[in-house]
Amino acid sequence: MICFITVSKESEGNAFVLGMLNYDWLMTPDAIGVDEVRKKKANESVSIRVRLERSLLDRIDAVAGTGNRQRYIQESIEWRLDQELPPMVLELSEELTQLKSRVEHLERSQTTSVFLSELNTAAKEKICTDDFDRKLLAFFVRNEGGTTPELAEHLLGDTHKRRTILDRIDRLNNRATAIVGSPVLEYRKGYVKNKRGAWWLVDSDLILA
């Protein structure tokens, strides 16, 4: 038996978990099929499909009546979610996650500022053309080396943006060669200091004050 119900937006994403909650009116996880049918943007609700045994649906109807299936099921879901994850706990958890993200951002920014101050004038104003270049060099001053995905994640927040990093390094090295007579970064294929296929600072004296 398939029953359609509408639940509030905050319940979205928890539908499959229903099979794990041991409600006496729900079947086991293997017997439940739940998929999102459509989203209602106006009231932030979605329709989902829940497969139930006829006997379980009969019990729901006996308690709530056939016209109140949706209300009964939704209230039961909300009750169990409130038991497992009260709204206040969920809100605090989200706030802590956001706070942690902000603290990590501030720590990265402070650390970057410290290492930026160590770059010499030639590195800051000639080899580097913008803040991105300077942050790129500051990363190497701090870490000595890094893989292209690591650099993309640290500087761009996306490991897939490796082409952007490679283009920047190439232009950075071209300017460094013209200004100080040597590239500042080099790529090494093998393992170096537990990193494989990474970029390394050639000579820190070329860019440090």
N, C-alpha and C. Protein backbone atom coordinates (compact mmCIF):
# COMPACT_ATOMS: atom_id res chain seq x y z
N MET A 1 0.85 -1.19 0.00
CA MET A 1 0.00 0.00 0.00
C MET A 1 0.88 1.24 0.00
N ILE A 2 0.61 2.19 -0.89
CA ILE A 2 1.38 3.43 -0.97
C ILE A 2 0.53 4.57 -0.47
N CYS A 3 1.07 5.34 0.45
CA CYS A 3 0.36 6.48 1.01
C CYS A 3 1.15 7.74 0.73
N PHE A 4 0.51 8.78 0.22
CA PHE A 4 1.15 10.06 -0.03
C PHE A 4 0.89 11.00 1.14
N ILE A 5 1.94 11.63 1.62
CA ILE A 5 1.80 12.62 2.69
C ILE A 5 2.63 13.83 2.36
N THR A 6 2.33 14.95 2.99
CA THR A 6 3.11 16.17 2.83
C THR A 6 3.73 16.52 4.17
N VAL A 7 5.02 16.78 4.17
CA VAL A 7 5.72 17.12 5.41
C VAL A 7 6.39 18.46 5.24
N SER A 8 6.69 19.10 6.36
CA SER A 8 7.32 20.41 6.32
C SER A 8 8.74 20.29 5.82
N LYS A 9 9.32 21.43 5.39
CA LYS A 9 10.64 21.44 4.78
C LYS A 9 11.71 20.88 5.71
N GLU A 10 11.59 21.18 7.03
CA GLU A 10 12.63 20.73 7.95
C GLU A 10 12.70 19.23 8.09
N SER A 11 11.62 18.53 7.64
CA SER A 11 11.66 17.07 7.69
C SER A 11 12.30 16.48 6.46
N GLU A 12 12.52 17.29 5.42
CA GLU A 12 13.12 16.80 4.18
C GLU A 12 14.52 16.30 4.47
N GLY A 13 14.87 15.20 3.88
CA GLY A 13 16.18 14.64 4.10
C GLY A 13 16.18 13.63 5.24
N ASN A 14 15.10 13.59 6.04
CA ASN A 14 14.99 12.64 7.13
C ASN A 14 14.05 11.50 6.79
N ALA A 15 13.49 11.54 5.57
CA ALA A 15 12.45 10.57 5.23
C ALA A 15 12.94 9.14 5.33
N PHE A 16 14.11 8.85 4.78
CA PHE A 16 14.59 7.47 4.80
C PHE A 16 14.86 7.00 6.22
N VAL A 17 15.20 7.92 7.10
CA VAL A 17 15.51 7.57 8.48
C VAL A 17 14.29 6.98 9.17
N LEU A 18 13.11 7.27 8.64
CA LEU A 18 11.90 6.78 9.26
C LEU A 18 11.94 5.27 9.42
N GLY A 19 12.53 4.59 8.46
CA GLY A 19 12.57 3.15 8.52
C GLY A 19 13.42 2.64 9.67
N MET A 20 14.21 3.52 10.27
CA MET A 20 15.10 3.10 11.34
C MET A 20 14.55 3.45 12.72
N LEU A 21 13.34 4.06 12.77
CA LEU A 21 12.86 4.61 14.03
C LEU A 21 11.99 3.64 14.84
N ASN A 22 11.71 2.47 14.27
CA ASN A 22 10.94 1.45 14.97
C ASN A 22 9.53 1.89 15.34
N TYR A 23 8.91 2.74 14.49
CA TYR A 23 7.49 3.02 14.70
C TYR A 23 6.72 1.73 14.47
N ASP A 24 5.69 1.51 15.28
CA ASP A 24 4.95 0.27 15.09
C ASP A 24 4.09 0.29 13.84
N TRP A 25 3.94 1.49 13.24
CA TRP A 25 3.14 1.55 12.01
C TRP A 25 4.00 1.64 10.76
N LEU A 26 5.31 1.54 10.92
CA LEU A 26 6.20 1.55 9.76
C LEU A 26 6.82 0.19 9.57
N MET A 27 7.16 -0.12 8.33
CA MET A 27 7.81 -1.39 8.04
C MET A 27 9.30 -1.25 8.25
N THR A 28 10.03 -2.32 8.02
CA THR A 28 11.48 -2.30 8.14
C THR A 28 12.07 -1.48 7.02
N PRO A 29 13.37 -1.06 7.13
CA PRO A 29 14.00 -0.24 6.09
C PRO A 29 13.93 -0.84 4.70
N ASP A 30 14.05 -2.17 4.62
CA ASP A 30 14.05 -2.80 3.30
C ASP A 30 12.68 -2.73 2.64
N ALA A 31 11.64 -2.58 3.46
CA ALA A 31 10.29 -2.59 2.91
C ALA A 31 9.76 -1.19 2.64
N ILE A 32 10.52 -0.16 3.03
CA ILE A 32 10.05 1.21 2.83
C ILE A 32 10.67 1.80 1.59
N GLY A 33 9.84 2.40 0.76
CA GLY A 33 10.35 3.13 -0.39
C GLY A 33 9.92 4.58 -0.26
N VAL A 34 10.87 5.49 -0.16
CA VAL A 34 10.55 6.90 0.02
C VAL A 34 11.27 7.70 -1.04
N ASP A 35 10.56 8.49 -1.78
CA ASP A 35 11.23 9.38 -2.73
C ASP A 35 10.45 10.67 -2.85
N GLU A 36 11.16 11.72 -3.10
CA GLU A 36 10.54 13.04 -3.21
C GLU A 36 9.81 13.14 -4.53
N VAL A 37 8.55 13.56 -4.51
CA VAL A 37 7.75 13.67 -5.72
C VAL A 37 7.82 15.08 -6.27
N ARG A 38 7.59 16.07 -5.45
CA ARG A 38 7.70 17.45 -5.92
C ARG A 38 7.90 18.38 -4.73
N LYS A 39 8.45 19.55 -4.97
CA LYS A 39 8.67 20.54 -3.92
C LYS A 39 7.67 21.68 -4.07
N LYS A 40 7.13 22.11 -2.98
CA LYS A 40 6.21 23.24 -2.99
C LYS A 40 6.95 24.42 -2.39
N LYS A 41 7.45 25.29 -3.26
CA LYS A 41 8.27 26.39 -2.80
C LYS A 41 7.49 27.40 -1.98
N ALA A 42 6.21 27.54 -2.26
CA ALA A 42 5.42 28.56 -1.58
C ALA A 42 5.41 28.36 -0.07
N ASN A 43 5.15 27.11 0.38
CA ASN A 43 5.09 26.86 1.81
C ASN A 43 6.22 25.96 2.27
N GLU A 44 7.22 25.77 1.45
CA GLU A 44 8.41 24.98 1.79
C GLU A 44 8.02 23.58 2.28
N SER A 45 7.11 22.94 1.60
CA SER A 45 6.74 21.57 1.93
C SER A 45 6.98 20.70 0.72
N VAL A 46 7.11 19.40 0.95
CA VAL A 46 7.33 18.46 -0.14
C VAL A 46 6.37 17.28 0.02
N SER A 47 6.05 16.65 -1.08
CA SER A 47 5.24 15.43 -1.04
C SER A 47 6.17 14.23 -1.14
N ILE A 48 5.96 13.24 -0.29
CA ILE A 48 6.78 12.03 -0.34
C ILE A 48 5.85 10.81 -0.40
N ARG A 49 6.40 9.71 -0.85
CA ARG A 49 5.64 8.48 -0.99
C ARG A 49 6.17 7.46 0.00
N VAL A 50 5.30 6.93 0.83
CA VAL A 50 5.70 5.95 1.85
C VAL A 50 4.94 4.66 1.61
N ARG A 51 5.66 3.55 1.52
CA ARG A 51 5.03 2.25 1.30
C ARG A 51 4.77 1.59 2.66
N LEU A 52 3.51 1.29 2.94
CA LEU A 52 3.10 0.68 4.21
C LEU A 52 2.33 -0.61 3.97
N GLU A 53 2.37 -1.48 4.96
CA GLU A 53 1.51 -2.66 4.91
C GLU A 53 0.06 -2.21 5.12
N ARG A 54 -0.87 -2.92 4.48
CA ARG A 54 -2.28 -2.59 4.62
C ARG A 54 -2.70 -2.62 6.09
N SER A 55 -2.18 -3.57 6.84
CA SER A 55 -2.57 -3.68 8.25
C SER A 55 -2.14 -2.46 9.05
N LEU A 56 -0.97 -1.90 8.71
CA LEU A 56 -0.50 -0.70 9.41
C LEU A 56 -1.36 0.51 9.06
N LEU A 57 -1.74 0.61 7.78
CA LEU A 57 -2.59 1.72 7.36
C LEU A 57 -3.96 1.61 8.02
N ASP A 58 -4.46 0.39 8.17
CA ASP A 58 -5.74 0.19 8.84
C ASP A 58 -5.67 0.66 10.29
N ARG A 59 -4.55 0.44 10.93
CA ARG A 59 -4.38 0.86 12.32
C ARG A 59 -4.35 2.39 12.42
N ILE A 60 -3.70 3.02 11.42
CA ILE A 60 -3.67 4.49 11.40
C ILE A 60 -5.09 5.02 11.22
N ASP A 61 -5.83 4.42 10.30
CA ASP A 61 -7.20 4.86 10.04
C ASP A 61 -8.08 4.65 11.26
N ALA A 62 -7.81 3.58 12.00
CA ALA A 62 -8.61 3.30 13.19
C ALA A 62 -8.39 4.36 14.26
N VAL A 63 -7.19 4.90 14.31
CA VAL A 63 -6.86 5.92 15.31
C VAL A 63 -7.23 7.31 14.85
N ALA A 64 -6.87 7.63 13.60
CA ALA A 64 -7.00 9.01 13.13
C ALA A 64 -8.14 9.21 12.15
N GLY A 65 -8.62 8.14 11.53
CA GLY A 65 -9.64 8.28 10.50
C GLY A 65 -8.99 8.46 9.14
N THR A 66 -9.68 8.00 8.09
CA THR A 66 -9.08 8.05 6.75
C THR A 66 -8.80 9.47 6.28
N GLY A 67 -9.54 10.43 6.80
CA GLY A 67 -9.33 11.80 6.36
C GLY A 67 -8.20 12.50 7.07
N ASN A 68 -7.61 11.83 8.06
CA ASN A 68 -6.55 12.47 8.85
C ASN A 68 -5.23 11.70 8.80
N ARG A 69 -5.06 10.90 7.77
CA ARG A 69 -3.81 10.14 7.67
C ARG A 69 -2.59 11.05 7.65
N GLN A 70 -2.64 12.06 6.78
CA GLN A 70 -1.48 12.93 6.63
C GLN A 70 -1.14 13.62 7.94
N ARG A 71 -2.14 14.17 8.62
CA ARG A 71 -1.89 14.87 9.88
C ARG A 71 -1.29 13.92 10.91
N TYR A 72 -1.83 12.71 11.01
CA TYR A 72 -1.36 11.74 11.99
C TYR A 72 0.10 11.36 11.72
N ILE A 73 0.39 11.04 10.46
CA ILE A 73 1.75 10.63 10.11
C ILE A 73 2.73 11.77 10.33
N GLN A 74 2.36 12.98 9.90
CA GLN A 74 3.27 14.12 10.06
C GLN A 74 3.52 14.42 11.54
N GLU A 75 2.48 14.40 12.35
CA GLU A 75 2.66 14.67 13.77
C GLU A 75 3.51 13.59 14.43
N SER A 76 3.36 12.36 13.99
CA SER A 76 4.18 11.26 14.53
C SER A 76 5.64 11.46 14.18
N ILE A 77 5.89 11.89 12.92
CA ILE A 77 7.26 12.16 12.50
C ILE A 77 7.86 13.29 13.33
N GLU A 78 7.09 14.38 13.47
CA GLU A 78 7.57 15.53 14.23
C GLU A 78 7.84 15.16 15.68
N TRP A 79 6.97 14.33 16.26
CA TRP A 79 7.17 13.91 17.65
C TRP A 79 8.47 13.15 17.80
N ARG A 80 8.72 12.22 16.88
CA ARG A 80 9.93 11.41 17.00
C ARG A 80 11.18 12.25 16.77
N LEU A 81 11.12 13.16 15.80
CA LEU A 81 12.26 14.05 15.55
C LEU A 81 12.53 14.93 16.75
N ASP A 82 11.47 15.39 17.42
CA ASP A 82 11.66 16.21 18.62
C ASP A 82 12.32 15.41 19.74
N GLN A 83 12.04 14.10 19.76
CA GLN A 83 12.68 13.24 20.76
C GLN A 83 14.16 13.01 20.44
N GLU A 84 14.43 12.75 19.16
CA GLU A 84 15.79 12.44 18.74
C GLU A 84 16.66 13.69 18.62
N LEU A 85 16.06 14.77 18.08
CA LEU A 85 16.82 16.00 17.85
C LEU A 85 15.90 17.20 18.06
N PRO A 86 15.76 17.64 19.32
CA PRO A 86 14.89 18.78 19.62
C PRO A 86 15.30 20.01 18.82
N PRO A 87 14.35 20.85 18.42
CA PRO A 87 14.66 22.04 17.62
C PRO A 87 15.78 22.90 18.22
N MET A 88 15.78 23.06 19.56
CA MET A 88 16.80 23.89 20.18
C MET A 88 18.19 23.28 20.00
N VAL A 89 18.27 21.95 20.13
CA VAL A 89 19.56 21.28 19.95
C VAL A 89 20.03 21.42 18.50
N LEU A 90 19.10 21.26 17.56
CA LEU A 90 19.44 21.41 16.14
C LEU A 90 19.94 22.82 15.86
N GLU A 91 19.26 23.82 16.41
CA GLU A 91 19.65 25.21 16.20
C GLU A 91 21.04 25.48 16.78
N LEU A 92 21.29 24.97 17.99
CA LEU A 92 22.60 25.14 18.61
C LEU A 92 23.70 24.46 17.80
N SER A 93 23.38 23.27 17.29
CA SER A 93 24.35 22.54 16.49
C SER A 93 24.72 23.31 15.23
N GLU A 94 23.71 23.90 14.57
CA GLU A 94 23.97 24.69 13.36
C GLU A 94 24.78 25.93 13.69
N GLU A 95 24.47 26.57 14.82
CA GLU A 95 25.21 27.77 15.22
C GLU A 95 26.66 27.44 15.54
N LEU A 96 26.88 26.30 16.19
CA LEU A 96 28.25 25.88 16.50
C LEU A 96 29.04 25.59 15.23
N THR A 97 28.37 24.98 14.25
CA THR A 97 29.03 24.69 12.98
C THR A 97 29.44 25.98 12.28
N GLN A 98 28.53 26.96 12.29
CA GLN A 98 28.83 28.26 11.68
C GLN A 98 29.95 28.97 12.42
N LEU A 99 29.92 28.89 13.75
CA LEU A 99 30.95 29.54 14.56
C LEU A 99 32.31 28.90 14.29
N LYS A 100 32.34 27.58 14.21
CA LYS A 100 33.58 26.88 13.92
C LYS A 100 34.14 27.30 12.57
N SER A 101 33.25 27.45 11.58
CA SER A 101 33.68 27.87 10.25
C SER A 101 34.27 29.26 10.28
N ARG A 102 33.63 30.17 11.04
CA ARG A 102 34.15 31.54 11.13
C ARG A 102 35.50 31.59 11.82
N VAL A 103 35.65 30.81 12.89
CA VAL A 103 36.92 30.77 13.62
C VAL A 103 38.04 30.24 12.73
N GLU A 104 37.75 29.17 11.98
CA GLU A 104 38.75 28.61 11.09
C GLU A 104 39.15 29.61 10.02
N HIS A 105 38.16 30.38 9.52
CA HIS A 105 38.45 31.40 8.51
C HIS A 105 39.35 32.48 9.09
N LEU A 106 39.06 32.92 10.32
CA LEU A 106 39.87 33.95 10.96
C LEU A 106 41.29 33.45 11.23
N GLU A 107 41.40 32.18 11.63
CA GLU A 107 42.73 31.61 11.89
C GLU A 107 43.55 31.55 10.61
N ARG A 108 42.90 31.15 9.50
CA ARG A 108 43.61 31.09 8.22
C ARG A 108 44.03 32.49 7.78
N SER A 109 43.12 33.46 7.98
CA SER A 109 43.43 34.82 7.58
C SER A 109 44.59 35.39 8.39
N GLN A 110 44.58 35.11 9.71
CA GLN A 110 45.65 35.62 10.57
C GLN A 110 46.98 34.97 10.21
N THR A 111 46.93 33.66 9.97
CA THR A 111 48.15 32.94 9.61
C THR A 111 48.70 33.46 8.29
N THR A 112 47.82 33.68 7.32
CA THR A 112 48.24 34.20 6.03
C THR A 112 48.87 35.57 6.18
N SER A 113 48.31 36.41 7.02
CA SER A 113 48.84 37.76 7.23
C SER A 113 50.25 37.71 7.79
N VAL A 114 50.47 36.77 8.71
CA VAL A 114 51.81 36.64 9.32
C VAL A 114 52.84 36.30 8.27
N PHE A 115 52.54 35.35 7.42
CA PHE A 115 53.51 34.92 6.41
C PHE A 115 53.62 35.91 5.26
N LEU A 116 52.56 36.65 5.01
CA LEU A 116 52.64 37.70 3.99
C LEU A 116 53.64 38.77 4.39
N SER A 117 53.70 39.03 5.69
CA SER A 117 54.63 40.07 6.17
C SER A 117 56.09 39.68 5.98
N GLU A 118 56.34 38.40 5.74
CA GLU A 118 57.72 37.93 5.57
C GLU A 118 58.21 38.06 4.13
N LEU A 119 57.30 38.32 3.20
CA LEU A 119 57.70 38.46 1.80
C LEU A 119 58.45 39.78 1.60
N ASN A 120 59.48 39.75 0.75
CA ASN A 120 60.22 40.99 0.48
C ASN A 120 59.46 41.86 -0.52
N THR A 121 59.98 43.05 -0.74
CA THR A 121 59.29 44.01 -1.61
C THR A 121 59.16 43.50 -3.04
N ALA A 122 60.21 42.87 -3.56
CA ALA A 122 60.17 42.35 -4.93
C ALA A 122 59.08 41.31 -5.08
N ALA A 123 58.96 40.44 -4.08
CA ALA A 123 57.95 39.39 -4.14
C ALA A 123 56.54 39.97 -4.06
N LYS A 124 56.34 40.91 -3.14
CA LYS A 124 55.01 41.49 -2.94
C LYS A 124 54.53 42.34 -4.11
N GLU A 125 55.45 43.14 -4.66
CA GLU A 125 55.03 44.16 -5.61
C GLU A 125 55.35 43.86 -7.08
N LYS A 126 56.30 42.95 -7.32
CA LYS A 126 56.69 42.68 -8.70
C LYS A 126 56.38 41.25 -9.15
N ILE A 127 56.81 40.29 -8.34
CA ILE A 127 56.52 38.90 -8.70
C ILE A 127 55.02 38.63 -8.57
N CYS A 128 54.43 39.17 -7.53
CA CYS A 128 52.99 39.03 -7.31
C CYS A 128 52.25 40.23 -7.91
N THR A 129 51.14 39.97 -8.54
CA THR A 129 50.36 41.06 -9.14
C THR A 129 49.09 41.37 -8.36
N ASP A 130 48.69 40.48 -7.46
CA ASP A 130 47.49 40.73 -6.66
C ASP A 130 47.55 39.91 -5.37
N ASP A 131 46.50 40.04 -4.56
CA ASP A 131 46.46 39.34 -3.27
C ASP A 131 46.48 37.83 -3.43
N PHE A 132 45.89 37.34 -4.52
CA PHE A 132 45.88 35.89 -4.73
C PHE A 132 47.31 35.37 -4.89
N ASP A 133 48.10 36.06 -5.68
CA ASP A 133 49.50 35.66 -5.85
C ASP A 133 50.24 35.69 -4.51
N ARG A 134 49.99 36.74 -3.74
CA ARG A 134 50.69 36.87 -2.46
C ARG A 134 50.27 35.76 -1.49
N LYS A 135 48.99 35.41 -1.49
CA LYS A 135 48.53 34.33 -0.63
C LYS A 135 49.11 32.99 -1.10
N LEU A 136 49.28 32.86 -2.39
CA LEU A 136 49.87 31.64 -2.94
C LEU A 136 51.30 31.47 -2.44
N LEU A 137 52.08 32.54 -2.51
CA LEU A 137 53.46 32.47 -2.01
C LEU A 137 53.50 32.29 -0.49
N ALA A 138 52.57 32.95 0.21
CA ALA A 138 52.52 32.81 1.66
C ALA A 138 52.26 31.37 2.07
N PHE A 139 51.46 30.66 1.28
CA PHE A 139 51.20 29.25 1.54
C PHE A 139 52.50 28.46 1.53
N PHE A 140 53.35 28.74 0.54
CA PHE A 140 54.62 28.02 0.44
C PHE A 140 55.62 28.44 1.51
N VAL A 141 55.56 29.69 1.92
CA VAL A 141 56.43 30.14 3.01
C VAL A 141 56.09 29.37 4.27
N ARG A 142 54.81 29.12 4.46
CA ARG A 142 54.37 28.40 5.65
C ARG A 142 54.58 26.89 5.53
N ASN A 143 54.23 26.33 4.38
CA ASN A 143 54.20 24.87 4.25
C ASN A 143 55.33 24.28 3.41
N GLU A 144 56.10 25.10 2.75
CA GLU A 144 57.18 24.68 1.86
C GLU A 144 56.68 24.07 0.57
N GLY A 145 55.72 23.17 0.68
CA GLY A 145 55.22 22.52 -0.52
C GLY A 145 53.74 22.20 -0.43
N GLY A 146 53.14 21.89 -1.58
CA GLY A 146 51.73 21.53 -1.59
C GLY A 146 51.33 20.98 -2.95
N THR A 147 50.39 20.04 -2.95
CA THR A 147 49.88 19.50 -4.21
C THR A 147 48.91 20.51 -4.82
N THR A 148 48.65 20.35 -6.10
CA THR A 148 47.72 21.26 -6.77
C THR A 148 46.33 21.21 -6.13
N PRO A 149 45.78 20.03 -5.81
CA PRO A 149 44.48 19.99 -5.14
C PRO A 149 44.51 20.68 -3.77
N GLU A 150 45.60 20.53 -3.03
CA GLU A 150 45.71 21.19 -1.73
C GLU A 150 45.67 22.70 -1.89
N LEU A 151 46.38 23.20 -2.88
CA LEU A 151 46.41 24.64 -3.13
C LEU A 151 45.03 25.14 -3.55
N ALA A 152 44.36 24.37 -4.40
CA ALA A 152 43.02 24.76 -4.87
C ALA A 152 42.04 24.79 -3.70
N GLU A 153 42.13 23.82 -2.82
CA GLU A 153 41.23 23.77 -1.66
C GLU A 153 41.52 24.93 -0.71
N HIS A 154 42.80 25.20 -0.45
CA HIS A 154 43.18 26.24 0.50
C HIS A 154 42.85 27.64 -0.01
N LEU A 155 43.11 27.87 -1.29
CA LEU A 155 42.97 29.22 -1.83
C LEU A 155 41.63 29.49 -2.49
N LEU A 156 41.01 28.43 -3.02
CA LEU A 156 39.76 28.62 -3.76
C LEU A 156 38.58 27.87 -3.17
N GLY A 157 38.87 27.00 -2.19
CA GLY A 157 37.80 26.23 -1.57
C GLY A 157 37.22 25.15 -2.45
N ASP A 158 37.97 24.75 -3.48
CA ASP A 158 37.47 23.74 -4.43
C ASP A 158 38.66 23.00 -5.03
N THR A 159 38.79 21.73 -4.72
CA THR A 159 39.92 20.94 -5.19
C THR A 159 39.92 20.75 -6.71
N HIS A 160 38.77 21.01 -7.34
CA HIS A 160 38.68 20.81 -8.79
C HIS A 160 39.22 21.99 -9.60
N LYS A 161 39.50 23.10 -8.93
CA LYS A 161 39.97 24.28 -9.66
C LYS A 161 41.50 24.27 -9.79
N ARG A 162 42.01 23.13 -10.21
CA ARG A 162 43.47 22.98 -10.32
C ARG A 162 44.04 23.79 -11.48
N ARG A 163 43.28 23.93 -12.54
CA ARG A 163 43.77 24.67 -13.70
C ARG A 163 44.07 26.12 -13.33
N THR A 164 43.23 26.71 -12.49
CA THR A 164 43.47 28.09 -12.05
C THR A 164 44.78 28.18 -11.30
N ILE A 165 45.04 27.21 -10.43
CA ILE A 165 46.29 27.20 -9.66
C ILE A 165 47.49 27.04 -10.59
N LEU A 166 47.40 26.12 -11.52
CA LEU A 166 48.52 25.88 -12.44
C LEU A 166 48.83 27.11 -13.29
N ASP A 167 47.79 27.79 -13.75
CA ASP A 167 47.99 29.01 -14.53
C ASP A 167 48.67 30.08 -13.70
N ARG A 168 48.25 30.22 -12.45
CA ARG A 168 48.85 31.21 -11.57
C ARG A 168 50.32 30.91 -11.30
N ILE A 169 50.61 29.65 -11.03
CA ILE A 169 52.00 29.27 -10.76
C ILE A 169 52.88 29.53 -11.98
N ASP A 170 52.36 29.19 -13.15
CA ASP A 170 53.12 29.39 -14.38
C ASP A 170 53.45 30.88 -14.59
N ARG A 171 52.48 31.75 -14.40
CA ARG A 171 52.72 33.18 -14.57
C ARG A 171 53.62 33.74 -13.48
N LEU A 172 53.45 33.19 -12.27
CA LEU A 172 54.28 33.62 -11.14
C LEU A 172 55.74 33.29 -11.42
N ASN A 173 55.99 32.08 -11.91
CA ASN A 173 57.36 31.66 -12.22
C ASN A 173 57.95 32.46 -13.37
N ASN A 174 57.14 32.79 -14.35
CA ASN A 174 57.63 33.59 -15.48
C ASN A 174 58.08 34.98 -15.01
N ARG A 175 57.30 35.59 -14.15
CA ARG A 175 57.68 36.91 -13.63
C ARG A 175 58.90 36.81 -12.74
N ALA A 176 58.96 35.76 -11.92
CA ALA A 176 60.11 35.58 -11.03
C ALA A 176 61.39 35.39 -11.83
N THR A 177 61.31 34.63 -12.90
CA THR A 177 62.48 34.41 -13.75
C THR A 177 62.97 35.73 -14.34
N ALA A 178 62.04 36.57 -14.74
CA ALA A 178 62.41 37.85 -15.34
C ALA A 178 62.96 38.83 -14.29
N ILE A 179 62.48 38.72 -13.05
CA ILE A 179 62.84 39.70 -12.02
C ILE A 179 64.04 39.26 -11.18
N VAL A 180 64.03 38.02 -10.71
CA VAL A 180 65.11 37.54 -9.84
C VAL A 180 65.99 36.49 -10.51
N GLY A 181 65.70 36.15 -11.75
CA GLY A 181 66.54 35.23 -12.50
C GLY A 181 66.28 33.76 -12.29
N SER A 182 65.19 33.42 -11.58
CA SER A 182 64.91 32.01 -11.32
C SER A 182 63.44 31.82 -10.94
N PRO A 183 62.84 30.69 -11.31
CA PRO A 183 61.48 30.40 -10.84
C PRO A 183 61.49 30.26 -9.32
N VAL A 184 60.38 30.56 -8.69
CA VAL A 184 60.31 30.44 -7.23
C VAL A 184 59.67 29.12 -6.81
N LEU A 185 58.96 28.48 -7.74
CA LEU A 185 58.29 27.22 -7.42
C LEU A 185 58.66 26.16 -8.45
N GLU A 186 58.79 24.92 -8.00
CA GLU A 186 59.08 23.82 -8.92
C GLU A 186 58.24 22.60 -8.58
N TYR A 187 57.92 21.83 -9.60
CA TYR A 187 57.09 20.65 -9.43
C TYR A 187 57.97 19.41 -9.35
N ARG A 188 57.72 18.57 -8.35
CA ARG A 188 58.46 17.33 -8.18
C ARG A 188 57.49 16.16 -8.19
N LYS A 189 57.71 15.20 -9.09
CA LYS A 189 56.78 14.10 -9.28
C LYS A 189 56.81 13.09 -8.14
N GLY A 190 57.99 12.78 -7.64
CA GLY A 190 58.10 11.74 -6.61
C GLY A 190 57.67 12.20 -5.24
N TYR A 191 57.93 11.34 -4.25
CA TYR A 191 57.60 11.65 -2.86
C TYR A 191 58.65 12.58 -2.27
N VAL A 192 58.21 13.68 -1.72
CA VAL A 192 59.08 14.62 -1.01
C VAL A 192 58.34 15.04 0.25
N LYS A 193 58.93 14.74 1.39
CA LYS A 193 58.33 15.09 2.68
C LYS A 193 56.86 14.65 2.76
N ASN A 194 56.65 13.38 2.41
CA ASN A 194 55.33 12.74 2.49
C ASN A 194 54.29 13.32 1.52
N LYS A 195 54.74 14.04 0.53
CA LYS A 195 53.83 14.54 -0.50
C LYS A 195 54.29 14.00 -1.86
N ARG A 196 53.35 13.55 -2.64
CA ARG A 196 53.68 13.03 -3.96
C ARG A 196 53.10 13.94 -5.04
N GLY A 197 53.94 14.31 -5.99
CA GLY A 197 53.48 15.17 -7.07
C GLY A 197 53.07 16.53 -6.55
N ALA A 198 54.01 17.23 -5.92
CA ALA A 198 53.69 18.51 -5.29
C ALA A 198 54.59 19.63 -5.81
N TRP A 199 54.18 20.85 -5.53
CA TRP A 199 54.96 22.04 -5.84
C TRP A 199 55.76 22.44 -4.61
N TRP A 200 56.99 22.89 -4.85
CA TRP A 200 57.86 23.25 -3.72
C TRP A 200 58.53 24.59 -3.96
N LEU A 201 58.80 25.27 -2.85
CA LEU A 201 59.51 26.54 -2.91
C LEU A 201 60.96 26.26 -3.26
N VAL A 202 61.47 26.90 -4.31
CA VAL A 202 62.83 26.64 -4.78
C VAL A 202 63.87 27.22 -3.84
N ASP A 203 63.77 28.49 -3.58
CA ASP A 203 64.75 29.17 -2.73
C ASP A 203 64.03 30.30 -2.00
N SER A 204 63.83 30.09 -0.72
CA SER A 204 63.08 31.08 0.07
C SER A 204 63.78 32.43 0.13
N ASP A 205 65.10 32.44 -0.03
CA ASP A 205 65.83 33.70 0.03
C ASP A 205 65.43 34.65 -1.10
N LEU A 206 64.88 34.09 -2.17
CA LEU A 206 64.48 34.92 -3.30
C LEU A 206 63.25 35.78 -3.01
N ILE A 207 62.45 35.33 -2.06
CA ILE A 207 61.19 36.04 -1.82
C ILE A 207 61.01 36.55 -0.40
N LEU A 208 61.89 36.14 0.52
CA LEU A 208 61.72 36.57 1.92
C LEU A 208 62.53 37.82 2.23
N ALA A 209 61.97 38.61 3.15
CA ALA A 209 62.65 39.87 3.53
C ALA A 209 63.90 39.55 4.35
